[in-house]
Amino acid sequence: MDYKRSDRVGDLLLELVSQLLAKEVNDPRIGSVTLTAADVSKDLRQARIYFCLLGEEKKRDEVLLGLKSAAGFIRAKVAKELKLRFVPTIEFVYDDGQDRARRIEDLLQQVKAKS
């Protein structure tokens, strides 16, 4: 099994960031955010953390601004916890996978209703 170091760091990063968002980040813009995945570059210098919102798609831009403003704080906490040579820069990206799945499901229901 090929389980790269960047994957392991991504898993740790995802766990740590979710704990930080739940316990230490007090930004009211960041409501019910669900972290879905972390993609870390091979050199461990950059990380993309994907998030989704449950039922609050209209607040996506506001939540993204809140996450971006907390990124420096999160990166500092990650540096203390993980003790890596290079702490990855963190970029938050909205995960639209659930939105696409919901759209496909709606289209399938429409086709099923017509037949």
C-alpha atoms as a PDB file:
ATOM      1  CA  MET A   1       0.000   0.000   0.000  1.00  0.00           C
ATOM      2  CA  ASP A   2       1.379   3.382  -1.023  1.00  0.00           C
ATOM      3  CA  TYR A   3       0.567   5.816   1.784  1.00  0.00           C
ATOM      4  CA  LYS A   4       2.698   8.921   1.268  1.00  0.00           C
ATOM      5  CA  ARG A   5       3.959  11.233   3.969  1.00  0.00           C
ATOM      6  CA  SER A   6       1.915  14.084   2.524  1.00  0.00           C
ATOM      7  CA  ASP A   7      -1.231  11.965   2.996  1.00  0.00           C
ATOM      8  CA  ARG A   8      -0.352  11.287   6.631  1.00  0.00           C
ATOM      9  CA  VAL A   9       0.363  14.962   7.272  1.00  0.00           C
ATOM     10  CA  GLY A  10      -2.926  15.823   5.554  1.00  0.00           C
ATOM     11  CA  ASP A  11      -4.845  13.485   7.836  1.00  0.00           C
ATOM     12  CA  LEU A  12      -3.181  14.961  10.928  1.00  0.00           C
ATOM     13  CA  LEU A  13      -3.759  18.476   9.653  1.00  0.00           C
ATOM     14  CA  LEU A  14      -7.430  17.811   9.025  1.00  0.00           C
ATOM     15  CA  GLU A  15      -7.909  16.417  12.519  1.00  0.00           C
ATOM     16  CA  LEU A  16      -6.026  19.257  14.180  1.00  0.00           C
ATOM     17  CA  VAL A  17      -7.758  22.024  12.221  1.00  0.00           C
ATOM     18  CA  SER A  18     -11.188  20.582  12.967  1.00  0.00           C
ATOM     19  CA  GLN A  19     -10.360  20.561  16.688  1.00  0.00           C
ATOM     20  CA  LEU A  20      -9.090  24.138  16.503  1.00  0.00           C
ATOM     21  CA  LEU A  21     -12.215  25.330  14.706  1.00  0.00           C
ATOM     22  CA  ALA A  22     -14.438  23.662  17.271  1.00  0.00           C
ATOM     23  CA  LYS A  23     -12.594  24.782  20.402  1.00  0.00           C
ATOM     24  CA  GLU A  24     -10.366  27.800  19.841  1.00  0.00           C
ATOM     25  CA  VAL A  25     -11.555  29.838  16.865  1.00  0.00           C
ATOM     26  CA  ASN A  26     -14.311  32.177  18.031  1.00  0.00           C
ATOM     27  CA  ASP A  27     -15.219  33.835  14.747  1.00  0.00           C
ATOM     28  CA  PRO A  28     -19.023  34.103  14.410  1.00  0.00           C
ATOM     29  CA  ARG A  29     -18.737  33.863  10.608  1.00  0.00           C
ATOM     30  CA  ILE A  30     -17.503  30.290  10.965  1.00  0.00           C
ATOM     31  CA  GLY A  31     -20.671  28.493  11.907  1.00  0.00           C
ATOM     32  CA  SER A  32     -21.326  24.859  11.189  1.00  0.00           C
ATOM     33  CA  VAL A  33     -18.374  24.101   8.942  1.00  0.00           C
ATOM     34  CA  THR A  34     -17.581  20.513   8.065  1.00  0.00           C
ATOM     35  CA  LEU A  35     -14.050  19.768   6.918  1.00  0.00           C
ATOM     36  CA  THR A  36     -14.102  17.125   4.214  1.00  0.00           C
ATOM     37  CA  ALA A  37     -10.509  16.643   3.048  1.00  0.00           C
ATOM     38  CA  ALA A  38      -6.971  17.962   3.157  1.00  0.00           C
ATOM     39  CA  ASP A  39      -4.647  17.930   0.182  1.00  0.00           C
ATOM     40  CA  VAL A  40      -0.991  18.537   1.055  1.00  0.00           C
ATOM     41  CA  SER A  41       1.695  19.057  -1.572  1.00  0.00           C
ATOM     42  CA  LYS A  42       4.535  16.548  -1.759  1.00  0.00           C
ATOM     43  CA  ASP A  43       7.048  19.034  -0.336  1.00  0.00           C
ATOM     44  CA  LEU A  44       4.636  19.753   2.586  1.00  0.00           C
ATOM     45  CA  ARG A  45       4.698  23.497   1.884  1.00  0.00           C
ATOM     46  CA  GLN A  46       1.081  24.008   0.853  1.00  0.00           C
ATOM     47  CA  ALA A  47      -2.175  22.540   2.087  1.00  0.00           C
ATOM     48  CA  ARG A  48      -5.702  22.871   0.785  1.00  0.00           C
ATOM     49  CA  ILE A  49      -8.407  22.122   3.273  1.00  0.00           C
ATOM     50  CA  TYR A  50     -11.825  21.489   1.779  1.00  0.00           C
ATOM     51  CA  PHE A  51     -14.975  22.385   3.679  1.00  0.00           C
ATOM     52  CA  CYS A  52     -18.718  22.257   3.154  1.00  0.00           C
ATOM     53  CA  LEU A  53     -21.704  23.869   4.817  1.00  0.00           C
ATOM     54  CA  LEU A  54     -24.811  21.996   5.783  1.00  0.00           C
ATOM     55  CA  GLY A  55     -27.843  23.914   4.539  1.00  0.00           C
ATOM     56  CA  GLU A  56     -26.066  27.283   4.466  1.00  0.00           C
ATOM     57  CA  GLU A  57     -24.808  27.595   0.897  1.00  0.00           C
ATOM     58  CA  LYS A  58     -25.737  31.291   0.851  1.00  0.00           C
ATOM     59  CA  LYS A  59     -23.168  32.045   3.574  1.00  0.00           C
ATOM     60  CA  ARG A  60     -20.291  30.416   1.685  1.00  0.00           C
ATOM     61  CA  ASP A  61     -18.388  33.644   0.952  1.00  0.00           C
ATOM     62  CA  GLU A  62     -18.804  34.916   4.504  1.00  0.00           C
ATOM     63  CA  VAL A  63     -17.572  31.637   5.985  1.00  0.00           C
ATOM     64  CA  LEU A  64     -14.640  31.579   3.558  1.00  0.00           C
ATOM     65  CA  LEU A  65     -13.608  35.068   4.708  1.00  0.00           C
ATOM     66  CA  GLY A  66     -13.776  33.911   8.322  1.00  0.00           C
ATOM     67  CA  LEU A  67     -11.635  30.870   7.595  1.00  0.00           C
ATOM     68  CA  LYS A  68      -9.092  32.937   5.674  1.00  0.00           C
ATOM     69  CA  SER A  69      -8.797  35.391   8.551  1.00  0.00           C
ATOM     70  CA  ALA A  70      -8.208  32.517  10.985  1.00  0.00           C
ATOM     71  CA  ALA A  71      -5.646  30.784   8.735  1.00  0.00           C
ATOM     72  CA  GLY A  72      -2.632  32.495  10.353  1.00  0.00           C
ATOM     73  CA  PHE A  73      -3.781  31.568  13.849  1.00  0.00           C
ATOM     74  CA  ILE A  74      -4.449  27.997  12.736  1.00  0.00           C
ATOM     75  CA  ARG A  75      -1.046  27.757  11.055  1.00  0.00           C
ATOM     76  CA  ALA A  76       0.706  28.922  14.242  1.00  0.00           C
ATOM     77  CA  LYS A  77      -1.140  26.324  16.327  1.00  0.00           C
ATOM     78  CA  VAL A  78      -0.353  23.624  13.765  1.00  0.00           C
ATOM     79  CA  ALA A  79       3.339  24.575  13.928  1.00  0.00           C
ATOM     80  CA  LYS A  80       3.377  24.016  17.690  1.00  0.00           C
ATOM     81  CA  GLU A  81       1.542  20.694  17.489  1.00  0.00           C
ATOM     82  CA  LEU A  82       3.051  18.925  14.496  1.00  0.00           C
ATOM     83  CA  LYS A  83       6.688  20.053  14.832  1.00  0.00           C
ATOM     84  CA  LEU A  84       7.426  19.907  11.124  1.00  0.00           C
ATOM     85  CA  ARG A  85      10.420  21.529   9.473  1.00  0.00           C
ATOM     86  CA  PHE A  86       8.089  23.457   7.178  1.00  0.00           C
ATOM     87  CA  VAL A  87       4.565  24.299   8.242  1.00  0.00           C
ATOM     88  CA  PRO A  88       2.287  24.291   5.209  1.00  0.00           C
ATOM     89  CA  THR A  89       0.474  27.439   4.175  1.00  0.00           C
ATOM     90  CA  ILE A  90      -3.209  26.746   4.580  1.00  0.00           C
ATOM     91  CA  GLU A  91      -5.786  27.550   1.934  1.00  0.00           C
ATOM     92  CA  PHE A  92      -9.468  26.855   2.524  1.00  0.00           C
ATOM     93  CA  VAL A  93     -11.521  25.735  -0.477  1.00  0.00           C
ATOM     94  CA  TYR A  94     -15.258  25.165  -0.655  1.00  0.00           C
ATOM     95  CA  ASP A  95     -16.079  21.541  -1.503  1.00  0.00           C
ATOM     96  CA  ASP A  96     -19.012  21.563  -3.902  1.00  0.00           C
ATOM     97  CA  GLY A  97     -19.270  17.778  -4.153  1.00  0.00           C
ATOM     98  CA  GLN A  98     -22.440  17.613  -2.085  1.00  0.00           C
ATOM     99  CA  ASP A  99     -24.039  20.390  -4.125  1.00  0.00           C
ATOM    100  CA  ARG A 100     -23.277  18.529  -7.359  1.00  0.00           C
ATOM    101  CA  ALA A 101     -24.597  15.258  -5.914  1.00  0.00           C
ATOM    102  CA  ARG A 102     -27.806  16.995  -4.825  1.00  0.00           C
ATOM    103  CA  ARG A 103     -28.211  18.525  -8.300  1.00  0.00           C
ATOM    104  CA  ILE A 104     -27.744  15.133  -9.990  1.00  0.00           C
ATOM    105  CA  GLU A 105     -30.244  13.580  -7.597  1.00  0.00           C
ATOM    106  CA  ASP A 106     -32.798  16.289  -8.425  1.00  0.00           C
ATOM    107  CA  LEU A 107     -32.283  15.720 -12.164  1.00  0.00           C
ATOM    108  CA  LEU A 108     -32.725  11.967 -11.751  1.00  0.00           C
ATOM    109  CA  GLN A 109     -35.935  12.525  -9.797  1.00  0.00           C
ATOM    110  CA  GLN A 110     -37.234  14.789 -12.575  1.00  0.00           C
ATOM    111  CA  VAL A 111     -36.479  12.152 -15.206  1.00  0.00           C
ATOM    112  CA  LYS A 112     -38.090   9.454 -13.078  1.00  0.00           C
ATOM    113  CA  ALA A 113     -41.229  11.577 -12.592  1.00  0.00           C
ATOM    114  CA  LYS A 114     -41.584  12.140 -16.365  1.00  0.00           C
ATOM    115  CA  SER A 115     -41.467   8.443 -17.206  1.00  0.00           C
END
